[in-house]
């Protein structure tokens, strides 16, 4: 940080500092075409998705606000959240139809383009859950929970 030419001797002559340095990069996992993480165990929600799921969410300040720096910055003040992003991650739903997807400019396939019908979706979730159970990564009770959730999911 640029606290002045005498900072090496412990003397701060510029406050707040002129430069806060380069911002640190935000690293996130590689993703598939849907934006879902490739690495790790692909639970049924990710293997047979209804949305893009991120385990992270960048915090941002809207364009009409200045980024707080220097003595006016309050570390205890919560960051302004944009687009529903927060430290808990994001869920970005797929469009229902191809027309909806194209109107929104979304490159990800819509639900109707992914799943021929509701039964196809339920069968894919069932297979994904059973595979994880066979690999000893999911309990039988959880398999049933995934299947029940898939049966009530809003898939065309």
N, C-alpha and C. Protein backbone atom coordinates (compact mmCIF):
# COMPACT_ATOMS: atom_id res chain seq x y z
N UNK A 1 0.84 -1.18 0.00
CA UNK A 1 0.00 0.00 0.00
C UNK A 1 0.88 1.24 0.00
N UNK A 2 0.38 2.30 -0.57
CA UNK A 2 1.16 3.52 -0.68
C UNK A 2 0.93 4.46 0.49
N UNK A 3 1.61 4.20 1.64
CA UNK A 3 1.46 5.05 2.82
C UNK A 3 2.47 6.20 2.85
N UNK A 4 3.26 6.35 1.79
CA UNK A 4 4.23 7.44 1.72
C UNK A 4 5.65 6.93 1.70
N UNK A 5 6.58 7.84 1.35
CA UNK A 5 7.99 7.44 1.16
C UNK A 5 8.71 7.04 2.46
N UNK A 6 8.19 7.41 3.62
CA UNK A 6 8.86 7.09 4.88
C UNK A 6 8.22 5.89 5.58
N UNK A 7 7.36 5.17 4.88
CA UNK A 7 6.65 4.06 5.51
C UNK A 7 7.60 2.96 5.97
N UNK A 8 8.73 2.78 5.24
CA UNK A 8 9.71 1.76 5.64
C UNK A 8 10.30 2.06 7.02
N UNK A 9 10.29 3.33 7.43
CA UNK A 9 10.77 3.70 8.76
C UNK A 9 9.63 3.73 9.77
N UNK A 10 8.44 3.29 9.36
CA UNK A 10 7.30 3.25 10.26
C UNK A 10 6.53 4.56 10.33
N UNK A 11 6.78 5.46 9.38
CA UNK A 11 6.11 6.75 9.38
C UNK A 11 5.09 6.78 8.25
N UNK A 12 3.83 6.97 8.62
CA UNK A 12 2.76 7.07 7.65
C UNK A 12 2.55 8.55 7.33
N UNK A 13 2.77 8.90 6.06
CA UNK A 13 2.60 10.29 5.65
C UNK A 13 1.39 10.46 4.72
N UNK A 14 0.85 9.37 4.24
CA UNK A 14 -0.32 9.43 3.36
C UNK A 14 -1.39 8.51 3.94
N UNK A 15 -2.52 9.14 4.33
CA UNK A 15 -3.61 8.34 4.90
C UNK A 15 -4.92 8.90 4.41
N UNK A 16 -5.80 8.20 3.77
CA UNK A 16 -5.66 6.80 3.41
C UNK A 16 -4.58 6.62 2.35
N UNK A 17 -4.05 5.43 2.21
CA UNK A 17 -2.97 5.21 1.24
C UNK A 17 -3.43 5.48 -0.19
N UNK A 18 -2.48 5.90 -1.01
CA UNK A 18 -2.79 6.20 -2.41
C UNK A 18 -3.24 4.95 -3.15
N UNK A 19 -2.59 3.87 -2.90
CA UNK A 19 -2.90 2.65 -3.63
C UNK A 19 -3.16 1.52 -2.65
N UNK A 20 -4.21 0.81 -2.89
CA UNK A 20 -4.50 -0.35 -2.07
C UNK A 20 -3.98 -1.61 -2.74
N UNK A 21 -3.19 -1.46 -3.80
CA UNK A 21 -2.64 -2.60 -4.51
C UNK A 21 -3.64 -3.17 -5.49
N UNK A 22 -3.25 -4.27 -6.08
CA UNK A 22 -4.16 -4.90 -7.04
C UNK A 22 -5.15 -5.76 -6.27
N UNK A 23 -6.39 -5.79 -6.72
CA UNK A 23 -7.38 -6.62 -6.03
C UNK A 23 -7.00 -8.09 -6.16
N UNK A 24 -7.34 -8.86 -5.15
CA UNK A 24 -7.05 -10.29 -5.24
C UNK A 24 -8.05 -10.93 -6.19
N UNK A 25 -7.60 -11.95 -6.90
CA UNK A 25 -8.52 -12.62 -7.84
C UNK A 25 -9.49 -13.52 -7.09
N UNK A 26 -10.65 -13.68 -7.64
CA UNK A 26 -11.63 -14.59 -7.07
C UNK A 26 -11.60 -15.88 -7.89
N UNK A 27 -11.18 -16.97 -7.26
CA UNK A 27 -11.10 -18.24 -7.95
C UNK A 27 -12.37 -19.04 -7.70
N UNK A 28 -12.89 -19.62 -8.76
CA UNK A 28 -14.07 -20.47 -8.66
C UNK A 28 -13.79 -21.75 -9.45
N UNK A 29 -14.50 -22.83 -9.15
CA UNK A 29 -14.25 -24.10 -9.84
C UNK A 29 -14.61 -24.03 -11.32
N UNK A 30 -14.00 -24.93 -12.10
CA UNK A 30 -14.39 -25.08 -13.50
C UNK A 30 -15.82 -25.59 -13.54
N UNK A 31 -16.54 -25.19 -14.59
CA UNK A 31 -17.94 -25.57 -14.68
C UNK A 31 -18.24 -26.26 -16.00
N UNK A 32 -19.39 -26.93 -16.02
CA UNK A 32 -19.87 -27.55 -17.26
C UNK A 32 -20.64 -26.50 -18.07
N UNK A 33 -21.27 -26.91 -19.14
CA UNK A 33 -22.00 -25.99 -20.02
C UNK A 33 -23.16 -25.30 -19.31
N UNK A 34 -23.65 -25.89 -18.22
CA UNK A 34 -24.75 -25.30 -17.45
C UNK A 34 -24.26 -24.34 -16.38
N UNK A 35 -22.95 -24.29 -16.16
CA UNK A 35 -22.41 -23.44 -15.11
C UNK A 35 -22.29 -24.16 -13.78
N UNK A 36 -22.54 -25.46 -13.74
CA UNK A 36 -22.42 -26.24 -12.50
C UNK A 36 -21.00 -26.78 -12.36
N UNK A 37 -20.52 -26.83 -11.13
CA UNK A 37 -19.16 -27.30 -10.86
C UNK A 37 -18.94 -28.69 -11.42
N UNK A 38 -17.76 -28.89 -12.00
CA UNK A 38 -17.40 -30.20 -12.54
C UNK A 38 -16.84 -31.10 -11.44
N UNK A 39 -16.01 -30.53 -10.59
CA UNK A 39 -15.32 -31.32 -9.57
C UNK A 39 -16.27 -31.76 -8.46
N UNK A 40 -15.88 -32.80 -7.77
CA UNK A 40 -16.62 -33.26 -6.61
C UNK A 40 -17.68 -34.29 -6.94
N UNK A 41 -18.43 -34.66 -5.94
CA UNK A 41 -19.52 -35.62 -6.10
C UNK A 41 -20.70 -34.87 -6.71
N UNK A 42 -21.19 -35.38 -7.80
CA UNK A 42 -22.31 -34.72 -8.48
C UNK A 42 -23.62 -35.29 -7.96
N UNK A 43 -24.15 -34.59 -6.96
CA UNK A 43 -25.42 -35.00 -6.37
C UNK A 43 -26.51 -34.89 -7.43
N UNK A 44 -27.65 -35.56 -7.24
CA UNK A 44 -28.69 -35.54 -8.27
C UNK A 44 -29.11 -34.15 -8.74
N UNK A 45 -29.12 -33.15 -7.86
CA UNK A 45 -29.48 -31.79 -8.29
C UNK A 45 -28.55 -31.27 -9.35
N UNK A 46 -27.28 -31.68 -9.29
CA UNK A 46 -26.28 -31.21 -10.25
C UNK A 46 -26.20 -32.15 -11.45
N UNK A 47 -26.35 -33.45 -11.22
CA UNK A 47 -26.29 -34.43 -12.31
C UNK A 47 -27.50 -34.30 -13.24
N UNK A 48 -28.65 -33.96 -12.69
CA UNK A 48 -29.89 -33.80 -13.46
C UNK A 48 -30.48 -32.45 -13.04
N UNK A 49 -29.89 -31.35 -13.53
CA UNK A 49 -30.20 -30.04 -12.98
C UNK A 49 -31.50 -29.40 -13.45
N UNK A 50 -32.02 -28.54 -12.57
CA UNK A 50 -33.13 -27.65 -12.90
C UNK A 50 -32.64 -26.21 -12.96
N UNK A 51 -31.36 -26.03 -12.61
CA UNK A 51 -30.78 -24.69 -12.52
C UNK A 51 -29.27 -24.80 -12.51
N UNK A 52 -28.62 -23.65 -12.53
CA UNK A 52 -27.20 -23.57 -12.25
C UNK A 52 -27.08 -23.30 -10.76
N UNK A 53 -26.26 -24.09 -10.10
CA UNK A 53 -26.06 -23.96 -8.65
C UNK A 53 -24.61 -23.60 -8.40
N UNK A 54 -24.37 -22.53 -7.67
CA UNK A 54 -23.00 -22.18 -7.31
C UNK A 54 -22.88 -22.22 -5.80
N UNK A 55 -21.76 -22.67 -5.33
CA UNK A 55 -21.48 -22.68 -3.91
C UNK A 55 -20.84 -21.38 -3.47
N UNK A 56 -20.80 -20.41 -4.34
CA UNK A 56 -20.18 -19.13 -4.06
C UNK A 56 -21.05 -18.03 -4.68
N UNK A 57 -20.86 -16.84 -4.25
CA UNK A 57 -21.56 -15.70 -4.82
C UNK A 57 -20.74 -14.46 -4.59
N UNK A 58 -20.36 -13.80 -5.66
CA UNK A 58 -19.57 -12.58 -5.51
C UNK A 58 -20.45 -11.46 -4.97
N UNK A 59 -19.91 -10.69 -4.07
CA UNK A 59 -20.62 -9.53 -3.56
C UNK A 59 -20.21 -8.34 -4.41
N UNK A 60 -21.14 -7.47 -4.67
CA UNK A 60 -20.85 -6.32 -5.52
C UNK A 60 -21.57 -5.10 -5.00
N UNK A 61 -21.08 -3.94 -5.42
CA UNK A 61 -21.71 -2.67 -5.10
C UNK A 61 -22.37 -2.16 -6.37
N UNK A 62 -23.62 -1.73 -6.31
CA UNK A 62 -24.27 -1.21 -7.51
C UNK A 62 -23.49 -0.05 -8.12
N UNK A 63 -23.65 0.15 -9.42
CA UNK A 63 -22.89 1.15 -10.15
C UNK A 63 -23.11 2.56 -9.61
N UNK A 64 -24.27 2.83 -9.00
CA UNK A 64 -24.55 4.19 -8.54
C UNK A 64 -23.96 4.48 -7.15
N UNK A 65 -23.30 3.51 -6.55
CA UNK A 65 -22.66 3.72 -5.25
C UNK A 65 -21.15 3.66 -5.44
N UNK A 66 -20.42 4.35 -4.59
CA UNK A 66 -18.97 4.25 -4.64
C UNK A 66 -18.53 3.13 -3.72
N UNK A 67 -17.44 2.50 -4.08
CA UNK A 67 -16.91 1.42 -3.25
C UNK A 67 -16.27 2.06 -2.03
N UNK A 68 -16.63 1.63 -0.82
CA UNK A 68 -16.08 2.25 0.38
C UNK A 68 -14.60 1.94 0.54
N UNK A 69 -13.81 2.97 0.79
CA UNK A 69 -12.38 2.81 1.04
C UNK A 69 -11.96 3.80 2.10
N UNK A 70 -10.74 3.64 2.58
CA UNK A 70 -10.18 4.60 3.51
C UNK A 70 -10.94 4.68 4.82
N UNK A 71 -10.87 5.84 5.50
CA UNK A 71 -11.48 5.95 6.82
C UNK A 71 -13.00 5.87 6.82
N UNK A 72 -13.63 6.04 5.66
CA UNK A 72 -15.09 5.97 5.62
C UNK A 72 -15.59 4.53 5.55
N UNK A 73 -14.68 3.58 5.28
CA UNK A 73 -15.07 2.18 5.17
C UNK A 73 -15.38 1.62 6.54
N UNK A 74 -16.51 0.94 6.64
CA UNK A 74 -16.90 0.34 7.91
C UNK A 74 -16.93 -1.18 7.76
N UNK A 75 -15.92 -1.90 8.30
CA UNK A 75 -15.87 -3.34 8.13
C UNK A 75 -17.11 -4.05 8.66
N UNK A 76 -17.79 -3.50 9.64
CA UNK A 76 -18.97 -4.14 10.20
C UNK A 76 -20.22 -3.97 9.36
N UNK A 77 -20.16 -3.06 8.40
CA UNK A 77 -21.33 -2.80 7.56
C UNK A 77 -21.49 -3.92 6.54
N UNK A 78 -22.68 -4.53 6.43
CA UNK A 78 -22.85 -5.61 5.46
C UNK A 78 -22.72 -5.10 4.03
N UNK A 79 -22.16 -5.95 3.17
CA UNK A 79 -22.01 -5.59 1.77
C UNK A 79 -23.38 -5.53 1.10
N UNK A 80 -23.51 -4.65 0.13
CA UNK A 80 -24.73 -4.58 -0.65
C UNK A 80 -24.78 -5.79 -1.58
N UNK A 81 -25.89 -6.48 -1.61
CA UNK A 81 -26.01 -7.66 -2.45
C UNK A 81 -26.69 -7.31 -3.75
N UNK A 82 -26.20 -7.87 -4.84
CA UNK A 82 -26.71 -7.60 -6.17
C UNK A 82 -27.16 -8.92 -6.79
N UNK A 83 -28.32 -8.92 -7.44
CA UNK A 83 -28.84 -10.11 -8.13
C UNK A 83 -28.99 -11.30 -7.20
N UNK A 84 -29.25 -11.08 -5.94
CA UNK A 84 -29.47 -12.19 -5.03
C UNK A 84 -28.20 -12.93 -4.65
N UNK A 85 -27.05 -12.40 -5.04
CA UNK A 85 -25.79 -13.07 -4.70
C UNK A 85 -25.46 -12.83 -3.23
N UNK A 86 -24.99 -13.83 -2.59
CA UNK A 86 -24.44 -13.65 -1.26
C UNK A 86 -23.43 -14.75 -1.02
N UNK A 87 -22.90 -14.82 0.16
CA UNK A 87 -21.84 -15.77 0.46
C UNK A 87 -22.35 -17.20 0.49
N UNK A 88 -23.66 -17.41 0.40
CA UNK A 88 -24.21 -18.76 0.44
C UNK A 88 -24.35 -19.37 -0.94
N UNK A 89 -24.07 -18.66 -1.98
CA UNK A 89 -24.19 -19.19 -3.33
C UNK A 89 -25.42 -18.68 -4.06
N UNK A 90 -25.65 -19.27 -5.22
CA UNK A 90 -26.74 -18.80 -6.08
C UNK A 90 -27.46 -19.98 -6.71
N UNK A 91 -28.71 -19.78 -7.06
CA UNK A 91 -29.48 -20.72 -7.86
C UNK A 91 -30.03 -19.90 -9.02
N UNK A 92 -29.61 -20.26 -10.23
CA UNK A 92 -30.04 -19.54 -11.42
C UNK A 92 -30.86 -20.53 -12.25
N UNK A 93 -32.18 -20.42 -12.15
CA UNK A 93 -33.09 -21.39 -12.76
C UNK A 93 -33.01 -21.38 -14.28
N UNK A 94 -33.25 -22.58 -14.86
CA UNK A 94 -33.34 -22.70 -16.31
C UNK A 94 -34.71 -22.19 -16.76
N UNK A 95 -34.76 -21.67 -17.96
CA UNK A 95 -36.04 -21.27 -18.55
C UNK A 95 -36.91 -22.50 -18.76
N UNK A 96 -38.22 -22.33 -18.76
CA UNK A 96 -39.14 -23.45 -18.93
C UNK A 96 -39.15 -23.96 -20.37
N UNK A 97 -39.11 -23.05 -21.33
CA UNK A 97 -39.20 -23.45 -22.74
C UNK A 97 -38.06 -22.83 -23.55
N UNK A 98 -37.88 -23.35 -24.75
CA UNK A 98 -36.86 -22.81 -25.65
C UNK A 98 -37.15 -21.35 -25.99
N UNK A 99 -38.42 -21.02 -26.18
CA UNK A 99 -38.79 -19.64 -26.50
C UNK A 99 -38.43 -18.70 -25.35
N UNK A 100 -38.69 -19.13 -24.12
CA UNK A 100 -38.33 -18.32 -22.94
C UNK A 100 -36.82 -18.14 -22.87
N UNK A 101 -36.09 -19.22 -23.12
CA UNK A 101 -34.63 -19.18 -23.07
C UNK A 101 -34.08 -18.22 -24.12
N UNK A 102 -34.59 -18.31 -25.33
CA UNK A 102 -34.11 -17.45 -26.41
C UNK A 102 -34.47 -15.99 -26.15
N UNK A 103 -35.65 -15.74 -25.62
CA UNK A 103 -36.06 -14.36 -25.31
C UNK A 103 -35.16 -13.74 -24.25
N UNK A 104 -34.69 -14.57 -23.32
CA UNK A 104 -33.82 -14.08 -22.26
C UNK A 104 -32.35 -14.06 -22.67
N UNK A 105 -32.03 -14.66 -23.82
CA UNK A 105 -30.63 -14.73 -24.25
C UNK A 105 -29.82 -15.70 -23.42
N UNK A 106 -30.47 -16.71 -22.88
CA UNK A 106 -29.82 -17.69 -22.01
C UNK A 106 -29.24 -18.82 -22.87
N UNK A 107 -27.93 -19.06 -22.81
CA UNK A 107 -27.34 -20.12 -23.64
C UNK A 107 -27.60 -21.53 -23.11
N UNK A 108 -28.08 -21.65 -21.87
CA UNK A 108 -28.33 -22.97 -21.28
C UNK A 108 -29.65 -23.52 -21.81
N UNK A 109 -29.71 -24.84 -22.01
CA UNK A 109 -30.95 -25.46 -22.48
C UNK A 109 -32.08 -25.24 -21.49
N UNK A 110 -33.28 -25.12 -22.01
CA UNK A 110 -34.47 -24.98 -21.15
C UNK A 110 -34.85 -26.34 -20.59
N UNK A 111 -35.77 -26.34 -19.62
CA UNK A 111 -36.26 -27.60 -19.05
C UNK A 111 -36.91 -28.47 -20.13
N UNK A 112 -37.71 -27.87 -21.01
CA UNK A 112 -38.39 -28.62 -22.06
C UNK A 112 -37.40 -29.23 -23.05
N UNK A 113 -36.27 -28.54 -23.27
CA UNK A 113 -35.26 -29.07 -24.18
C UNK A 113 -34.44 -30.19 -23.53
N UNK A 114 -34.33 -30.17 -22.23
CA UNK A 114 -33.55 -31.16 -21.50
C UNK A 114 -34.30 -32.45 -21.24
N UNK A 115 -35.55 -32.30 -20.85
CA UNK A 115 -36.32 -33.45 -20.38
C UNK A 115 -37.58 -33.58 -21.22
N UNK A 116 -37.70 -34.71 -21.89
CA UNK A 116 -38.83 -34.96 -22.79
C UNK A 116 -40.16 -34.79 -22.07
N UNK A 117 -40.22 -35.25 -20.83
CA UNK A 117 -41.43 -35.11 -20.02
C UNK A 117 -41.05 -35.29 -18.55
N UNK A 118 -42.03 -35.18 -17.69
CA UNK A 118 -41.78 -35.27 -16.26
C UNK A 118 -41.23 -36.64 -15.87
N UNK A 119 -41.75 -37.70 -16.48
CA UNK A 119 -41.30 -39.06 -16.17
C UNK A 119 -39.82 -39.24 -16.52
N UNK A 120 -39.38 -38.64 -17.61
CA UNK A 120 -37.97 -38.73 -18.00
C UNK A 120 -37.10 -38.09 -16.93
N UNK A 121 -37.51 -36.91 -16.45
CA UNK A 121 -36.76 -36.24 -15.39
C UNK A 121 -36.69 -37.11 -14.14
N UNK A 122 -37.81 -37.66 -13.70
CA UNK A 122 -37.84 -38.49 -12.49
C UNK A 122 -36.94 -39.71 -12.68
N UNK A 123 -36.97 -40.33 -13.84
CA UNK A 123 -36.13 -41.50 -14.10
C UNK A 123 -34.65 -41.16 -14.06
N UNK A 124 -34.28 -40.01 -14.58
CA UNK A 124 -32.87 -39.58 -14.56
C UNK A 124 -32.41 -39.29 -13.13
N UNK A 125 -33.25 -38.63 -12.35
CA UNK A 125 -32.91 -38.36 -10.95
C UNK A 125 -32.79 -39.68 -10.19
N UNK A 126 -33.71 -40.59 -10.41
CA UNK A 126 -33.68 -41.89 -9.74
C UNK A 126 -32.38 -42.62 -10.06
N UNK A 127 -32.00 -42.66 -11.33
CA UNK A 127 -30.76 -43.33 -11.73
C UNK A 127 -29.54 -42.67 -11.10
N UNK A 128 -29.50 -41.34 -11.06
CA UNK A 128 -28.36 -40.63 -10.47
C UNK A 128 -28.26 -40.92 -8.97
N UNK A 129 -29.39 -40.92 -8.28
CA UNK A 129 -29.40 -41.18 -6.84
C UNK A 129 -29.01 -42.63 -6.56
N UNK A 130 -29.52 -43.56 -7.34
CA UNK A 130 -29.20 -44.97 -7.12
C UNK A 130 -27.73 -45.25 -7.41
N UNK A 131 -27.16 -44.58 -8.38
CA UNK A 131 -25.73 -44.73 -8.67
C UNK A 131 -24.90 -44.28 -7.47
N UNK A 132 -25.24 -43.15 -6.88
CA UNK A 132 -24.52 -42.67 -5.70
C UNK A 132 -24.68 -43.63 -4.52
N UNK A 133 -25.86 -44.19 -4.37
CA UNK A 133 -26.08 -45.16 -3.28
C UNK A 133 -25.24 -46.41 -3.53
N UNK A 134 -25.18 -46.87 -4.77
CA UNK A 134 -24.38 -48.04 -5.12
C UNK A 134 -22.90 -47.79 -4.83
N UNK A 135 -22.46 -46.54 -5.02
CA UNK A 135 -21.07 -46.17 -4.75
C UNK A 135 -20.83 -45.85 -3.28
N UNK A 136 -21.86 -46.06 -2.46
CA UNK A 136 -21.80 -45.83 -1.01
C UNK A 136 -21.59 -44.35 -0.67
N UNK A 137 -22.15 -43.48 -1.49
CA UNK A 137 -22.05 -42.04 -1.28
C UNK A 137 -23.39 -41.42 -0.86
N UNK A 138 -24.43 -42.25 -0.82
CA UNK A 138 -25.76 -41.77 -0.48
C UNK A 138 -26.50 -42.88 0.25
N UNK A 139 -27.26 -42.52 1.26
CA UNK A 139 -28.06 -43.50 2.00
C UNK A 139 -29.34 -43.81 1.23
N UNK A 140 -29.89 -45.00 1.44
CA UNK A 140 -31.14 -45.39 0.78
C UNK A 140 -32.26 -44.40 1.08
N UNK A 141 -32.31 -43.92 2.31
CA UNK A 141 -33.33 -42.95 2.70
C UNK A 141 -33.19 -41.67 1.86
N UNK A 142 -31.95 -41.27 1.60
CA UNK A 142 -31.73 -40.08 0.79
C UNK A 142 -32.13 -40.31 -0.66
N UNK A 143 -31.93 -41.52 -1.16
CA UNK A 143 -32.36 -41.85 -2.52
C UNK A 143 -33.86 -41.61 -2.62
N UNK A 144 -34.61 -42.10 -1.65
CA UNK A 144 -36.07 -41.91 -1.67
C UNK A 144 -36.44 -40.44 -1.57
N UNK A 145 -35.69 -39.67 -0.79
CA UNK A 145 -35.96 -38.23 -0.69
C UNK A 145 -35.74 -37.53 -2.03
N UNK A 146 -34.68 -37.91 -2.75
CA UNK A 146 -34.42 -37.32 -4.06
C UNK A 146 -35.54 -37.69 -5.05
N UNK A 147 -35.96 -38.94 -5.01
CA UNK A 147 -37.03 -39.37 -5.92
C UNK A 147 -38.33 -38.62 -5.61
N UNK A 148 -38.66 -38.48 -4.35
CA UNK A 148 -39.88 -37.75 -3.97
C UNK A 148 -39.81 -36.30 -4.43
N UNK A 149 -38.65 -35.69 -4.23
CA UNK A 149 -38.49 -34.29 -4.66
C UNK A 149 -38.64 -34.18 -6.17
N UNK A 150 -38.08 -35.14 -6.91
CA UNK A 150 -38.17 -35.11 -8.37
C UNK A 150 -39.62 -35.27 -8.82
N UNK A 151 -40.37 -36.11 -8.12
CA UNK A 151 -41.77 -36.33 -8.49
C UNK A 151 -42.61 -35.07 -8.33
N UNK A 152 -42.23 -34.21 -7.41
CA UNK A 152 -43.00 -32.98 -7.19
C UNK A 152 -42.36 -31.76 -7.86
N UNK A 153 -41.28 -31.96 -8.59
CA UNK A 153 -40.58 -30.84 -9.24
C UNK A 153 -41.40 -30.28 -10.40
N UNK A 154 -41.27 -28.97 -10.64
CA UNK A 154 -42.03 -28.32 -11.73
C UNK A 154 -41.37 -28.51 -13.09
N UNK A 155 -41.29 -29.75 -13.52
CA UNK A 155 -40.69 -30.05 -14.83
C UNK A 155 -41.82 -30.41 -15.78
N UNK A 156 -41.82 -29.80 -16.97
CA UNK A 156 -42.91 -30.06 -17.93
C UNK A 156 -43.06 -31.55 -18.26
